[in-house]
């Protein structure tokens, strides 16, 4: 979920809602091919307060980085490696930007670029540690 209010090109506020399945072991058949949880991915129980503390620290760090780069007209994740899962395949790519339609521009190591819409992939993972 997201809500952004902007006037004259300036963001007045942004609200972001994030849902994370922490310790879910089973999903209904209609979601079993789409949904996962940290427990299923790591095999470990995740303690909600520990997760929230870590999530907020990482989110704040990313937000501060976003503020520094966006004000300079630099795309936040440009050049960052990402793993993208498209139906039937998984691939490492690099973020190149966002086009005017809001689609993600990704590149392969050989400089081939592809444009991808959010409905075209099931997950994307960023590997930035800064």
Protein backbone atom coordinates (compact mmCIF):
# COMPACT_ATOMS: atom_id res chain seq x y z
CA UNK A 1 0.00 0.00 0.00
CA UNK A 2 1.23 3.47 -0.77
CA UNK A 3 -0.11 7.00 -0.60
CA UNK A 4 1.78 10.06 -1.79
CA UNK A 5 0.67 13.69 -1.77
CA UNK A 6 2.59 16.13 -3.94
CA UNK A 7 2.06 19.74 -4.97
CA UNK A 8 4.02 21.54 -7.69
CA UNK A 9 6.45 18.64 -8.01
CA UNK A 10 7.27 18.53 -4.29
CA UNK A 11 6.29 15.56 -2.15
CA UNK A 12 4.39 16.71 0.93
CA UNK A 13 4.13 13.26 2.45
CA UNK A 14 4.34 9.59 1.61
CA UNK A 15 2.80 6.66 3.45
CA UNK A 16 4.06 3.16 2.80
CA UNK A 17 2.46 -0.02 4.09
CA UNK A 18 4.53 -3.20 4.13
CA UNK A 19 3.34 -6.69 4.91
CA UNK A 20 5.83 -9.46 5.65
CA UNK A 21 4.96 -13.09 6.35
CA UNK A 22 7.34 -14.05 9.13
CA UNK A 23 6.48 -17.48 10.51
CA UNK A 24 3.80 -18.80 8.17
CA UNK A 25 4.30 -22.50 7.44
CA UNK A 26 1.39 -23.16 5.06
CA UNK A 27 -0.56 -21.03 2.62
CA UNK A 28 -3.93 -21.77 1.03
CA UNK A 29 -3.66 -23.51 -2.35
CA UNK A 30 -4.58 -20.29 -4.16
CA UNK A 31 -1.46 -18.59 -2.69
CA UNK A 32 0.98 -21.47 -2.41
CA UNK A 33 2.75 -20.61 -5.69
CA UNK A 34 2.81 -16.87 -4.96
CA UNK A 35 3.39 -16.37 -1.25
CA UNK A 36 6.24 -17.30 1.04
CA UNK A 37 7.49 -16.42 4.50
CA UNK A 38 10.84 -15.82 6.10
CA UNK A 39 10.42 -19.11 7.96
CA UNK A 40 9.95 -21.02 4.68
CA UNK A 41 12.84 -19.18 3.01
CA UNK A 42 15.37 -19.48 5.84
CA UNK A 43 14.15 -22.47 7.87
CA UNK A 44 14.36 -20.31 11.00
CA UNK A 45 11.76 -18.85 13.35
CA UNK A 46 11.77 -15.05 13.08
CA UNK A 47 11.03 -13.03 16.21
CA UNK A 48 8.66 -10.18 15.24
CA UNK A 49 10.20 -7.45 17.43
CA UNK A 50 13.72 -8.32 16.28
CA UNK A 51 12.55 -8.25 12.67
CA UNK A 52 10.77 -4.92 13.14
CA UNK A 53 13.85 -3.35 14.77
CA UNK A 54 16.12 -4.50 11.96
CA UNK A 55 13.60 -3.59 9.25
CA UNK A 56 13.20 -0.04 10.56
CA UNK A 57 16.97 0.48 10.79
CA UNK A 58 17.49 -0.70 7.22
CA UNK A 59 14.48 1.26 5.96
CA UNK A 60 15.72 4.45 7.62
CA UNK A 61 19.16 3.99 6.09
CA UNK A 62 17.64 3.48 2.63
CA UNK A 63 15.33 6.46 3.08
CA UNK A 64 18.20 8.75 4.02
CA UNK A 65 20.13 7.54 0.97
CA UNK A 66 17.05 8.14 -1.18
CA UNK A 67 16.77 11.73 0.11
CA UNK A 68 20.42 12.44 -0.71
CA UNK A 69 20.31 11.00 -4.22
CA UNK A 70 16.82 12.02 -5.40
CA UNK A 71 17.40 15.71 -4.64
CA UNK A 72 20.41 15.53 -7.00
CA UNK A 73 18.35 13.93 -9.78
CA UNK A 74 20.09 10.56 -9.38
CA UNK A 75 18.03 7.38 -9.50
CA UNK A 76 18.35 5.68 -6.13
CA UNK A 77 19.22 2.11 -7.15
CA UNK A 78 21.05 2.87 -10.40
CA UNK A 79 23.90 0.42 -10.97
CA UNK A 80 22.85 -1.84 -8.10
CA UNK A 81 22.77 -5.61 -8.65
CA UNK A 82 19.37 -7.25 -8.25
CA UNK A 83 18.02 -10.77 -8.52
CA UNK A 84 14.76 -10.80 -10.42
CA UNK A 85 12.38 -13.75 -10.55
CA UNK A 86 10.32 -13.81 -13.73
CA UNK A 87 7.97 -16.75 -14.29
CA UNK A 88 10.09 -19.78 -15.20
CA UNK A 89 13.46 -18.06 -14.65
CA UNK A 90 15.64 -16.25 -12.15
CA UNK A 91 18.38 -13.85 -13.23
CA UNK A 92 20.93 -11.38 -11.86
CA UNK A 93 20.65 -7.94 -13.46
CA UNK A 94 21.61 -4.35 -12.76
CA UNK A 95 19.25 -1.44 -12.25
CA UNK A 96 19.60 1.19 -15.01
CA UNK A 97 16.70 3.47 -14.11
CA UNK A 98 12.99 4.03 -14.50
CA UNK A 99 11.36 5.09 -17.76
CA UNK A 100 8.67 7.82 -18.00
CA UNK A 101 5.93 5.17 -17.68
CA UNK A 102 7.34 4.01 -14.34
CA UNK A 103 8.73 0.73 -15.67
CA UNK A 104 12.02 -0.56 -14.33
CA UNK A 105 14.95 -0.54 -16.75
CA UNK A 106 17.31 -3.44 -16.04
CA UNK A 107 20.54 -4.40 -17.75
CA UNK A 108 22.54 -7.56 -18.17
CA UNK A 109 26.33 -7.69 -17.90
CA UNK A 110 26.58 -7.59 -21.70
CA UNK A 111 24.84 -4.15 -21.64
CA UNK A 112 21.57 -5.55 -23.03
CA UNK A 113 18.69 -3.65 -21.45
CA UNK A 114 15.17 -4.84 -20.75
CA UNK A 115 12.17 -2.87 -19.56
CA UNK A 116 9.98 -4.60 -17.04
CA UNK A 117 6.63 -3.73 -15.50
CA UNK A 118 5.85 -4.65 -11.89
CA UNK A 119 3.22 -7.17 -13.02
CA UNK A 120 5.86 -9.03 -15.07
CA UNK A 121 7.91 -10.39 -12.15
CA UNK A 122 7.18 -12.19 -8.90
CA UNK A 123 10.07 -10.86 -6.81
CA UNK A 124 13.11 -8.64 -6.92
CA UNK A 125 15.93 -8.60 -4.37
CA UNK A 126 18.47 -5.83 -4.03
CA UNK A 127 21.94 -6.71 -2.81
CA UNK A 128 23.10 -3.26 -1.73
CA UNK A 129 24.85 -3.31 1.64
CA UNK A 130 25.57 0.39 1.93
